[in-house]
Amino acid sequence: MVKLKRAYEPASRGDGYRVLVERLWPRGIRKEALPLDEWRKEIAPSGELRQWFSHDPARWREFKLRYLKELKEAAAAEQLRALADRAADGTLTLVFSSHDTEHNNAVVLKEQIERRARRRAGERRTRTTVRARSPRR
């Protein structure tokens, strides 16, 4: 399960594994005041993309396309895979700092992680079913 939470909201027990998915540290929050398990800044949009987007909802569709392209690069793809593995095994909360809760990189990451986690869970079910049906030697 993947959840989204603003960095300015208090952490809760139900958050599970908390990962900050921003390239820059959230303004006004001391590092020791933000409970996190990880900070994965490499999976956040590039500085150029972030500045171009500037949280303009009119650019949302194009932002998503450009960001998805960045996520296909090797380093980001590996981190996305690791987060999907974690989400398939338990609750993962993506922590972000944007005021706009509908148009930000965490929303895109959540969609991608959930897609990969579902695929991984399906592969696990298929392997289990195949093993259960296989004749024993």
C-alpha atoms as a PDB file:
ATOM      1  CA  MET A   1       0.000   0.000   0.000  1.00  0.00           C
ATOM      2  CA  VAL A   2       1.273   3.445  -0.917  1.00  0.00           C
ATOM      3  CA  LYS A   3       0.207   6.589   0.908  1.00  0.00           C
ATOM      4  CA  LEU A   4       0.990  10.235   0.287  1.00  0.00           C
ATOM      5  CA  LYS A   5       1.621  12.734   3.062  1.00  0.00           C
ATOM      6  CA  ARG A   6       2.836  16.292   3.154  1.00  0.00           C
ATOM      7  CA  ALA A   7       6.016  16.840   5.123  1.00  0.00           C
ATOM      8  CA  TYR A   8       4.150  19.392   7.233  1.00  0.00           C
ATOM      9  CA  GLU A   9       1.610  16.825   8.477  1.00  0.00           C
ATOM     10  CA  PRO A  10       2.431  14.836  11.619  1.00  0.00           C
ATOM     11  CA  ALA A  11       3.668  11.282  11.212  1.00  0.00           C
ATOM     12  CA  SER A  12       1.408   8.460  12.366  1.00  0.00           C
ATOM     13  CA  ARG A  13       1.810   4.757  13.126  1.00  0.00           C
ATOM     14  CA  GLY A  14      -0.119   3.846  10.000  1.00  0.00           C
ATOM     15  CA  ASP A  15       2.473   5.535   7.778  1.00  0.00           C
ATOM     16  CA  GLY A  16       4.704   2.488   7.718  1.00  0.00           C
ATOM     17  CA  TYR A  17       7.989   3.169   5.940  1.00  0.00           C
ATOM     18  CA  ARG A  18       8.353   6.932   5.328  1.00  0.00           C
ATOM     19  CA  VAL A  19      10.380   8.206   2.370  1.00  0.00           C
ATOM     20  CA  LEU A  20      10.963  11.843   1.455  1.00  0.00           C
ATOM     21  CA  VAL A  21      10.770  12.076  -2.356  1.00  0.00           C
ATOM     22  CA  GLU A  22      11.948  15.657  -2.847  1.00  0.00           C
ATOM     23  CA  ARG A  23      15.248  16.882  -4.260  1.00  0.00           C
ATOM     24  CA  LEU A  24      15.295  19.798  -1.790  1.00  0.00           C
ATOM     25  CA  TRP A  25      14.639  19.616   1.945  1.00  0.00           C
ATOM     26  CA  PRO A  26      11.182  21.022   2.881  1.00  0.00           C
ATOM     27  CA  ARG A  27      11.333  24.667   3.929  1.00  0.00           C
ATOM     28  CA  GLY A  28      10.897  25.483   7.577  1.00  0.00           C
ATOM     29  CA  ILE A  29      11.412  21.947   8.899  1.00  0.00           C
ATOM     30  CA  ARG A  30      14.476  20.943  10.881  1.00  0.00           C
ATOM     31  CA  LYS A  31      15.920  17.600   9.803  1.00  0.00           C
ATOM     32  CA  GLU A  32      15.509  16.110  13.253  1.00  0.00           C
ATOM     33  CA  ALA A  33      11.834  17.203  13.316  1.00  0.00           C
ATOM     34  CA  LEU A  34      10.798  15.162  10.252  1.00  0.00           C
ATOM     35  CA  PRO A  35      10.553  11.437  10.995  1.00  0.00           C
ATOM     36  CA  LEU A  36      11.795   9.545   7.943  1.00  0.00           C
ATOM     37  CA  ASP A  37      13.233   6.173   7.120  1.00  0.00           C
ATOM     38  CA  GLU A  38      14.896   7.474   3.952  1.00  0.00           C
ATOM     39  CA  TRP A  39      15.405  10.515   1.796  1.00  0.00           C
ATOM     40  CA  ARG A  40      15.504   9.528  -1.877  1.00  0.00           C
ATOM     41  CA  LYS A  41      16.320  12.788  -3.610  1.00  0.00           C
ATOM     42  CA  GLU A  42      17.621  11.018  -6.726  1.00  0.00           C
ATOM     43  CA  ILE A  43      14.103   9.838  -7.604  1.00  0.00           C
ATOM     44  CA  ALA A  44      12.705  13.386  -7.480  1.00  0.00           C
ATOM     45  CA  PRO A  45      12.336  15.406 -10.689  1.00  0.00           C
ATOM     46  CA  SER A  46      15.458  17.114 -11.974  1.00  0.00           C
ATOM     47  CA  GLY A  47      16.006  20.713 -10.956  1.00  0.00           C
ATOM     48  CA  GLU A  48      15.328  21.819 -14.523  1.00  0.00           C
ATOM     49  CA  LEU A  49      12.000  19.965 -14.689  1.00  0.00           C
ATOM     50  CA  ARG A  50      10.952  21.165 -11.251  1.00  0.00           C
ATOM     51  CA  GLN A  51      11.685  24.795 -12.175  1.00  0.00           C
ATOM     52  CA  TRP A  52       9.923  24.472 -15.539  1.00  0.00           C
ATOM     53  CA  PHE A  53       6.806  22.961 -13.912  1.00  0.00           C
ATOM     54  CA  SER A  54       6.713  25.514 -11.094  1.00  0.00           C
ATOM     55  CA  HIS A  55       3.607  23.718  -9.731  1.00  0.00           C
ATOM     56  CA  ASP A  56       1.484  25.106 -12.569  1.00  0.00           C
ATOM     57  CA  PRO A  57      -1.553  22.800 -13.001  1.00  0.00           C
ATOM     58  CA  ALA A  58      -1.763  23.845 -16.670  1.00  0.00           C
ATOM     59  CA  ARG A  59       1.618  22.102 -17.189  1.00  0.00           C
ATOM     60  CA  TRP A  60       0.652  18.967 -15.243  1.00  0.00           C
ATOM     61  CA  ARG A  61       0.125  16.624 -18.202  1.00  0.00           C
ATOM     62  CA  GLU A  62       3.446  17.595 -19.803  1.00  0.00           C
ATOM     63  CA  PHE A  63       5.207  17.448 -16.415  1.00  0.00           C
ATOM     64  CA  LYS A  64       4.027  13.852 -15.940  1.00  0.00           C
ATOM     65  CA  LEU A  65       5.320  12.834 -19.369  1.00  0.00           C
ATOM     66  CA  ARG A  66       8.718  14.437 -18.791  1.00  0.00           C
ATOM     67  CA  TYR A  67       8.995  13.050 -15.274  1.00  0.00           C
ATOM     68  CA  LEU A  68       8.108   9.531 -16.412  1.00  0.00           C
ATOM     69  CA  LYS A  69      10.908   9.825 -18.954  1.00  0.00           C
ATOM     70  CA  GLU A  70      13.331  10.777 -16.156  1.00  0.00           C
ATOM     71  CA  LEU A  71      12.134   7.817 -14.083  1.00  0.00           C
ATOM     72  CA  LYS A  72      13.203   5.451 -16.872  1.00  0.00           C
ATOM     73  CA  GLU A  73      16.863   6.406 -16.390  1.00  0.00           C
ATOM     74  CA  ALA A  74      18.858   3.643 -14.702  1.00  0.00           C
ATOM     75  CA  ALA A  75      19.387   5.175 -11.238  1.00  0.00           C
ATOM     76  CA  ALA A  76      15.791   6.334 -10.866  1.00  0.00           C
ATOM     77  CA  ALA A  77      14.408   3.075 -12.274  1.00  0.00           C
ATOM     78  CA  GLU A  78      16.351   1.067  -9.680  1.00  0.00           C
ATOM     79  CA  GLN A  79      15.067   3.249  -6.846  1.00  0.00           C
ATOM     80  CA  LEU A  80      11.519   2.980  -8.178  1.00  0.00           C
ATOM     81  CA  ARG A  81      11.915  -0.810  -8.213  1.00  0.00           C
ATOM     82  CA  ALA A  82      13.127  -0.788  -4.592  1.00  0.00           C
ATOM     83  CA  LEU A  83      10.181   1.337  -3.472  1.00  0.00           C
ATOM     84  CA  ALA A  84       7.741  -0.937  -5.328  1.00  0.00           C
ATOM     85  CA  ASP A  85       9.256  -3.949  -3.538  1.00  0.00           C
ATOM     86  CA  ARG A  86       8.773  -2.210  -0.209  1.00  0.00           C
ATOM     87  CA  ALA A  87       5.166  -1.268  -1.065  1.00  0.00           C
ATOM     88  CA  ALA A  88       4.387  -4.850  -2.087  1.00  0.00           C
ATOM     89  CA  ASP A  89       5.511  -5.999   1.368  1.00  0.00           C
ATOM     90  CA  GLY A  90       3.854  -3.312   3.531  1.00  0.00           C
ATOM     91  CA  THR A  91       2.794   0.306   3.865  1.00  0.00           C
ATOM     92  CA  LEU A  92       4.966   2.916   2.177  1.00  0.00           C
ATOM     93  CA  THR A  93       4.341   6.629   2.690  1.00  0.00           C
ATOM     94  CA  LEU A  94       5.793   9.062   0.170  1.00  0.00           C
ATOM     95  CA  VAL A  95       6.487  12.346   1.924  1.00  0.00           C
ATOM     96  CA  PHE A  96       6.409  15.509  -0.197  1.00  0.00           C
ATOM     97  CA  SER A  97       6.488  19.237   0.454  1.00  0.00           C
ATOM     98  CA  SER A  98       4.247  20.712  -2.250  1.00  0.00           C
ATOM     99  CA  HIS A  99       1.147  22.618  -1.160  1.00  0.00           C
ATOM    100  CA  ASP A 100      -0.738  21.185  -4.142  1.00  0.00           C
ATOM    101  CA  THR A 101      -1.671  17.648  -3.158  1.00  0.00           C
ATOM    102  CA  GLU A 102      -2.902  16.686  -6.657  1.00  0.00           C
ATOM    103  CA  HIS A 103      -0.139  18.047  -8.904  1.00  0.00           C
ATOM    104  CA  ASN A 104       3.241  16.959  -7.557  1.00  0.00           C
ATOM    105  CA  ASN A 105       5.907  14.340  -8.180  1.00  0.00           C
ATOM    106  CA  ALA A 106       4.730  12.113  -5.315  1.00  0.00           C
ATOM    107  CA  VAL A 107       1.416  11.574  -7.121  1.00  0.00           C
ATOM    108  CA  VAL A 108       3.286  10.312 -10.201  1.00  0.00           C
ATOM    109  CA  LEU A 109       5.551   8.130  -8.069  1.00  0.00           C
ATOM    110  CA  LYS A 110       2.579   6.625  -6.243  1.00  0.00           C
ATOM    111  CA  GLU A 111       0.959   5.615  -9.539  1.00  0.00           C
ATOM    112  CA  GLN A 112       4.174   4.044 -10.807  1.00  0.00           C
ATOM    113  CA  ILE A 113       4.973   2.254  -7.541  1.00  0.00           C
ATOM    114  CA  GLU A 114       1.455   0.846  -7.255  1.00  0.00           C
ATOM    115  CA  ARG A 115       1.581  -0.369 -10.860  1.00  0.00           C
ATOM    116  CA  ARG A 116       4.902  -2.132 -10.240  1.00  0.00           C
ATOM    117  CA  ALA A 117       3.795  -3.534  -6.871  1.00  0.00           C
ATOM    118  CA  ARG A 118       0.630  -4.995  -8.464  1.00  0.00           C
ATOM    119  CA  ARG A 119       2.732  -6.522 -11.221  1.00  0.00           C
ATOM    120  CA  ARG A 120       5.126  -7.988  -8.641  1.00  0.00           C
ATOM    121  CA  ALA A 121       2.243  -9.407  -6.582  1.00  0.00           C
ATOM    122  CA  GLY A 122       0.762 -10.956  -9.744  1.00  0.00           C
ATOM    123  CA  GLU A 123       4.087 -12.558 -10.596  1.00  0.00           C
ATOM    124  CA  ARG A 124       4.300 -13.992  -7.091  1.00  0.00           C
ATOM    125  CA  ARG A 125       0.781 -15.459  -7.370  1.00  0.00           C
ATOM    126  CA  THR A 126       1.623 -16.962 -10.761  1.00  0.00           C
ATOM    127  CA  ARG A 127       4.811 -18.584  -9.443  1.00  0.00           C
ATOM    128  CA  THR A 128       2.938 -19.977  -6.430  1.00  0.00           C
ATOM    129  CA  THR A 129       0.166 -21.364  -8.646  1.00  0.00           C
ATOM    130  CA  VAL A 130       2.671 -22.932 -11.052  1.00  0.00           C
ATOM    131  CA  ARG A 131       4.573 -24.521  -8.154  1.00  0.00           C
ATOM    132  CA  ALA A 132       1.348 -25.839  -6.639  1.00  0.00           C
ATOM    133  CA  ARG A 133       0.333 -27.424  -9.970  1.00  0.00           C
ATOM    134  CA  SER A 134       3.756 -28.807 -10.871  1.00  0.00           C
ATOM    135  CA  PRO A 135       4.124 -32.557 -10.461  1.00  0.00           C
ATOM    136  CA  ARG A 136       6.624 -33.526  -7.815  1.00  0.00           C
ATOM    137  CA  ARG A 137       9.536 -35.701  -8.772  1.00  0.00           C
END
